[in-house]
């Protein structure tokens, strides 16, 4: 993978995947930050989002003075994108149960666009579960919202999208995420993680690490890759 410049109107970081074909993965890294006791803290629509290039990657940051600072650093490796997301509490109030939303857009990755019918999966205990697809009319087009079955256990917050030819699997995860989902339509095609940052005291900062990757093989190969990546982390959150 290698980084491409961000694109507008939704400021995202774009990365190119050489295999299996030419695909572009766009990450919307500051979609929303919210907490349990104060609701939405930051939303990227209308926010002043700044972009800074780093070696083989990009950093997105946004700040509301005396309230919040959020930053997401994305660095491309051979077959993955490492993500470091942080939220700083600049207010004088304690935040409870802070969580962010990170969006990975697949509209320009045609072999991974699950609207064509292929299933999307997450790991259970010793098995893999496919997401339920709920069709919802939105602005004259229908959107497939990916929903986990509440009767099935999620062993790891890893969302896996096999390519339509059954050769590769794309994975996205934050180990501290509480929710994973997605939506697919003709206009947009994405998968989401909701990393949990816990409670953040005034003046404190919480961090979470995540990843987007592509591996050749099966769902089991994708899970093994994720678990190996996770085992090398020095810290997951906070």
Protein backbone atom coordinates (compact mmCIF):
# COMPACT_ATOMS: atom_id res chain seq x y z
CA UNK A 1 0.00 0.00 0.00
CA UNK A 2 1.05 3.59 -0.47
CA UNK A 3 -0.59 6.87 0.51
CA UNK A 4 -2.26 9.17 -1.99
CA UNK A 5 -3.26 12.74 -1.21
CA UNK A 6 -6.50 13.28 0.65
CA UNK A 7 -9.63 14.08 -1.30
CA UNK A 8 -12.54 16.46 -0.84
CA UNK A 9 -15.43 17.14 0.03
CA UNK A 10 -15.12 14.58 2.82
CA UNK A 11 -11.48 14.86 3.85
CA UNK A 12 -10.15 11.34 3.84
CA UNK A 13 -6.72 9.72 3.55
CA UNK A 14 -6.48 7.64 0.38
CA UNK A 15 -4.25 4.59 0.03
CA UNK A 16 -3.60 2.46 -3.04
CA UNK A 17 -3.53 -1.36 -2.93
CA UNK A 18 -1.58 -2.99 -5.79
CA UNK A 19 -3.03 -6.47 -5.36
CA UNK A 20 -5.18 -8.19 -6.46
CA UNK A 21 -5.99 -5.28 -8.79
CA UNK A 22 -5.66 -1.55 -8.38
CA UNK A 23 -7.87 -0.49 -5.48
CA UNK A 24 -8.14 2.67 -3.44
CA UNK A 25 -9.01 2.54 0.26
CA UNK A 26 -10.07 5.87 1.75
CA UNK A 27 -10.10 6.33 5.52
CA UNK A 28 -12.34 8.95 7.10
CA UNK A 29 -10.40 9.19 10.38
CA UNK A 30 -12.30 11.85 12.35
CA UNK A 31 -15.93 11.11 11.62
CA UNK A 32 -17.26 11.53 15.14
CA UNK A 33 -16.24 11.59 18.81
CA UNK A 34 -18.90 11.24 21.51
CA UNK A 35 -19.21 10.36 25.18
CA UNK A 36 -21.88 8.95 27.45
CA UNK A 37 -22.45 12.02 29.62
CA UNK A 38 -22.09 14.87 27.09
CA UNK A 39 -23.16 13.34 23.77
CA UNK A 40 -21.35 14.39 20.60
CA UNK A 41 -18.05 16.16 21.24
CA UNK A 42 -16.72 16.47 17.68
CA UNK A 43 -18.06 15.83 14.18
CA UNK A 44 -15.97 16.19 11.05
CA UNK A 45 -18.75 17.89 9.07
CA UNK A 46 -18.01 21.57 9.40
CA UNK A 47 -14.96 20.99 11.60
CA UNK A 48 -11.57 22.52 10.83
CA UNK A 49 -9.66 19.38 9.83
CA UNK A 50 -5.94 19.85 9.22
CA UNK A 51 -3.73 17.45 7.29
CA UNK A 52 0.00 16.93 7.73
CA UNK A 53 2.15 14.53 5.71
CA UNK A 54 4.47 12.11 7.50
CA UNK A 55 6.81 9.47 6.02
CA UNK A 56 4.60 7.06 4.06
CA UNK A 57 1.45 8.40 5.66
CA UNK A 58 -0.66 11.28 6.83
CA UNK A 59 -1.93 12.83 10.08
CA UNK A 60 -5.42 14.32 10.43
CA UNK A 61 -6.18 16.61 13.34
CA UNK A 62 -9.03 18.79 14.51
CA UNK A 63 -9.44 20.98 17.57
CA UNK A 64 -12.19 22.94 19.22
CA UNK A 65 -10.47 25.36 21.66
CA UNK A 66 -11.12 24.66 25.33
CA UNK A 67 -13.09 21.55 24.37
CA UNK A 68 -11.43 18.75 22.38
CA UNK A 69 -8.46 17.82 20.22
CA UNK A 70 -8.62 14.68 18.05
CA UNK A 71 -5.83 13.27 15.91
CA UNK A 72 -5.44 10.23 13.69
CA UNK A 73 -2.10 9.11 12.26
CA UNK A 74 -2.10 6.59 9.37
CA UNK A 75 1.08 4.97 8.07
CA UNK A 76 1.14 2.53 5.14
CA UNK A 77 3.15 -0.69 5.37
CA UNK A 78 3.53 -3.44 2.75
CA UNK A 79 -0.01 -4.79 3.02
CA UNK A 80 -1.57 -2.78 5.82
CA UNK A 81 -2.27 0.67 7.24
CA UNK A 82 -1.41 1.23 10.91
CA UNK A 83 -3.70 3.72 12.64
CA UNK A 84 -3.09 5.62 15.87
CA UNK A 85 -6.11 7.61 17.05
CA UNK A 86 -6.08 9.96 20.05
CA UNK A 87 -8.58 12.24 21.79
CA UNK A 88 -7.60 14.96 24.28
CA UNK A 89 -10.03 16.49 26.76
CA UNK A 90 -9.43 20.26 26.73
CA UNK A 91 -12.55 21.04 28.74
CA UNK A 92 -12.94 21.33 32.49
CA UNK A 93 -15.39 18.42 32.67
CA UNK A 94 -14.74 14.70 32.93
CA UNK A 95 -15.92 12.61 29.97
CA UNK A 96 -17.43 9.17 30.56
CA UNK A 97 -17.37 6.36 28.03
CA UNK A 98 -15.68 8.17 25.14
CA UNK A 99 -15.82 6.48 21.75
CA UNK A 100 -14.93 7.50 18.21
CA UNK A 101 -16.09 6.36 14.78
CA UNK A 102 -13.50 5.46 12.14
CA UNK A 103 -14.81 4.91 8.60
CA UNK A 104 -13.03 2.90 5.88
CA UNK A 105 -14.50 3.60 2.45
CA UNK A 106 -14.39 0.91 -0.24
CA UNK A 107 -16.21 2.71 -3.05
CA UNK A 108 -13.05 2.62 -5.18
CA UNK A 109 -12.13 -0.96 -4.26
CA UNK A 110 -14.46 -2.83 -6.65
CA UNK A 111 -13.55 -6.40 -5.67
CA UNK A 112 -14.39 -5.64 -2.04
CA UNK A 113 -17.72 -3.91 -2.62
CA UNK A 114 -20.12 -6.21 -0.80
CA UNK A 115 -23.23 -4.67 -2.31
CA UNK A 116 -22.86 -7.18 -5.16
CA UNK A 117 -23.89 -9.98 -2.82
CA UNK A 118 -20.80 -11.36 -1.11
CA UNK A 119 -20.97 -11.81 2.64
CA UNK A 120 -19.09 -9.78 5.24
CA UNK A 121 -17.86 -11.58 8.36
CA UNK A 122 -16.69 -11.20 11.95
CA UNK A 123 -15.08 -13.89 14.15
CA UNK A 124 -17.07 -15.79 16.74
CA UNK A 125 -15.90 -18.43 19.20
CA UNK A 126 -14.32 -21.04 16.94
CA UNK A 127 -16.33 -19.94 13.91
CA UNK A 128 -17.14 -16.98 11.67
CA UNK A 129 -20.44 -15.13 11.54
CA UNK A 130 -21.79 -13.15 8.60
CA UNK A 131 -23.38 -9.77 9.14
CA UNK A 132 -27.09 -9.36 8.67
CA UNK A 133 -27.91 -6.89 5.90
CA UNK A 134 -30.76 -4.54 6.60
CA UNK A 135 -32.09 -2.62 3.62
CA UNK A 136 -33.06 0.94 4.46
CA UNK A 137 -34.27 3.62 2.01
CA UNK A 138 -32.06 6.69 2.25
CA UNK A 139 -32.57 9.64 -0.09
CA UNK A 140 -34.06 7.58 -2.92
CA UNK A 141 -31.43 4.86 -2.81
CA UNK A 142 -31.28 1.71 -0.71
CA UNK A 143 -28.45 1.14 1.71
CA UNK A 144 -27.30 -2.23 3.05
CA UNK A 145 -26.53 -1.65 6.73
CA UNK A 146 -24.34 -4.37 8.23
CA UNK A 147 -25.66 -5.48 11.62
CA UNK A 148 -24.31 -8.11 14.00
CA UNK A 149 -26.72 -10.76 15.22
CA UNK A 150 -27.22 -10.06 18.95
CA UNK A 151 -27.61 -13.81 19.55
CA UNK A 152 -24.07 -14.49 18.29
CA UNK A 153 -20.87 -13.78 20.20
CA UNK A 154 -18.16 -11.54 18.71
CA UNK A 155 -14.78 -12.99 19.68
CA UNK A 156 -12.75 -10.14 18.14
CA UNK A 157 -13.86 -6.72 16.79
CA UNK A 158 -12.55 -7.58 13.32
CA UNK A 159 -14.63 -6.94 10.22
CA UNK A 160 -13.59 -9.04 7.20
CA UNK A 161 -14.57 -8.42 3.57
CA UNK A 162 -13.63 -11.24 1.14
CA UNK A 163 -13.04 -10.13 -2.42
CA UNK A 164 -15.61 -11.23 -4.99
CA UNK A 165 -13.23 -13.85 -6.50
CA UNK A 166 -12.44 -15.52 -3.19
CA UNK A 167 -8.68 -14.83 -3.32
CA UNK A 168 -8.14 -12.02 -0.82
CA UNK A 169 -9.65 -10.75 2.43
CA UNK A 170 -9.65 -7.16 3.65
CA UNK A 171 -9.71 -6.67 7.42
CA UNK A 172 -10.30 -3.66 9.64
CA UNK A 173 -10.16 -3.56 13.44
CA UNK A 174 -9.48 -1.60 16.59
CA UNK A 175 -8.88 -4.17 19.37
CA UNK A 176 -10.70 -1.91 21.84
CA UNK A 177 -13.75 -1.38 19.59
CA UNK A 178 -17.15 -2.17 21.05
CA UNK A 179 -19.04 -2.03 17.75
CA UNK A 180 -18.32 -2.82 14.11
CA UNK A 181 -20.71 -2.27 11.23
CA UNK A 182 -20.96 -0.77 7.76
CA UNK A 183 -23.19 0.37 4.95
CA UNK A 184 -23.16 -0.16 1.22
CA UNK A 185 -24.94 1.60 -1.60
CA UNK A 186 -24.28 2.93 -5.08
CA UNK A 187 -23.19 6.24 -3.55
CA UNK A 188 -21.00 4.99 -0.69
CA UNK A 189 -19.49 1.75 0.50
CA UNK A 190 -17.81 1.54 3.90
CA UNK A 191 -17.02 -0.40 7.05
CA UNK A 192 -16.79 1.13 10.55
CA UNK A 193 -15.04 0.58 13.85
CA UNK A 194 -16.02 2.32 17.08
CA UNK A 195 -12.93 2.29 19.32
CA UNK A 196 -13.70 2.76 23.01
CA UNK A 197 -11.40 5.24 24.74
CA UNK A 198 -12.90 4.89 28.20
CA UNK A 199 -13.18 7.84 30.59
CA UNK A 200 -11.01 10.91 29.87
CA UNK A 201 -10.31 13.36 32.68
CA UNK A 202 -9.84 17.09 32.03
CA UNK A 203 -6.41 17.65 30.47
CA UNK A 204 -5.90 13.95 29.73
CA UNK A 205 -5.45 12.10 26.41
CA UNK A 206 -6.59 8.60 25.44
CA UNK A 207 -5.23 6.61 22.49
CA UNK A 208 -6.30 3.61 20.43
CA UNK A 209 -4.48 1.60 17.78
CA UNK A 210 -6.16 0.12 14.72
CA UNK A 211 -5.36 -1.48 11.38
CA UNK A 212 -6.61 -1.99 7.83
CA UNK A 213 -5.01 -4.87 5.92
CA UNK A 214 -5.33 -7.12 2.88
CA UNK A 215 -4.17 -10.75 2.94
CA UNK A 216 -4.25 -13.49 0.35
CA UNK A 217 -6.20 -16.49 1.57
CA UNK A 218 -9.21 -17.27 3.71
CA UNK A 219 -11.04 -15.78 6.68
CA UNK A 220 -8.85 -17.91 8.92
CA UNK A 221 -5.75 -16.38 7.33
CA UNK A 222 -7.16 -12.89 7.94
CA UNK A 223 -7.88 -13.69 11.59
CA UNK A 224 -4.39 -15.14 12.06
CA UNK A 225 -2.85 -12.00 10.54
CA UNK A 226 -4.88 -9.77 12.85
CA UNK A 227 -3.99 -11.77 15.96
CA UNK A 228 -0.29 -11.64 15.05
CA UNK A 229 -0.49 -7.87 14.49
CA UNK A 230 -2.30 -7.44 17.80
CA UNK A 231 0.29 -9.52 19.68
CA UNK A 232 3.01 -7.02 18.75
CA UNK A 233 1.19 -3.97 20.10
CA UNK A 234 2.70 -2.40 23.20
CA UNK A 235 -0.64 -0.90 24.11
CA UNK A 236 -4.17 -1.00 22.74
CA UNK A 237 -5.98 1.91 24.37
CA UNK A 238 -5.30 4.64 26.90
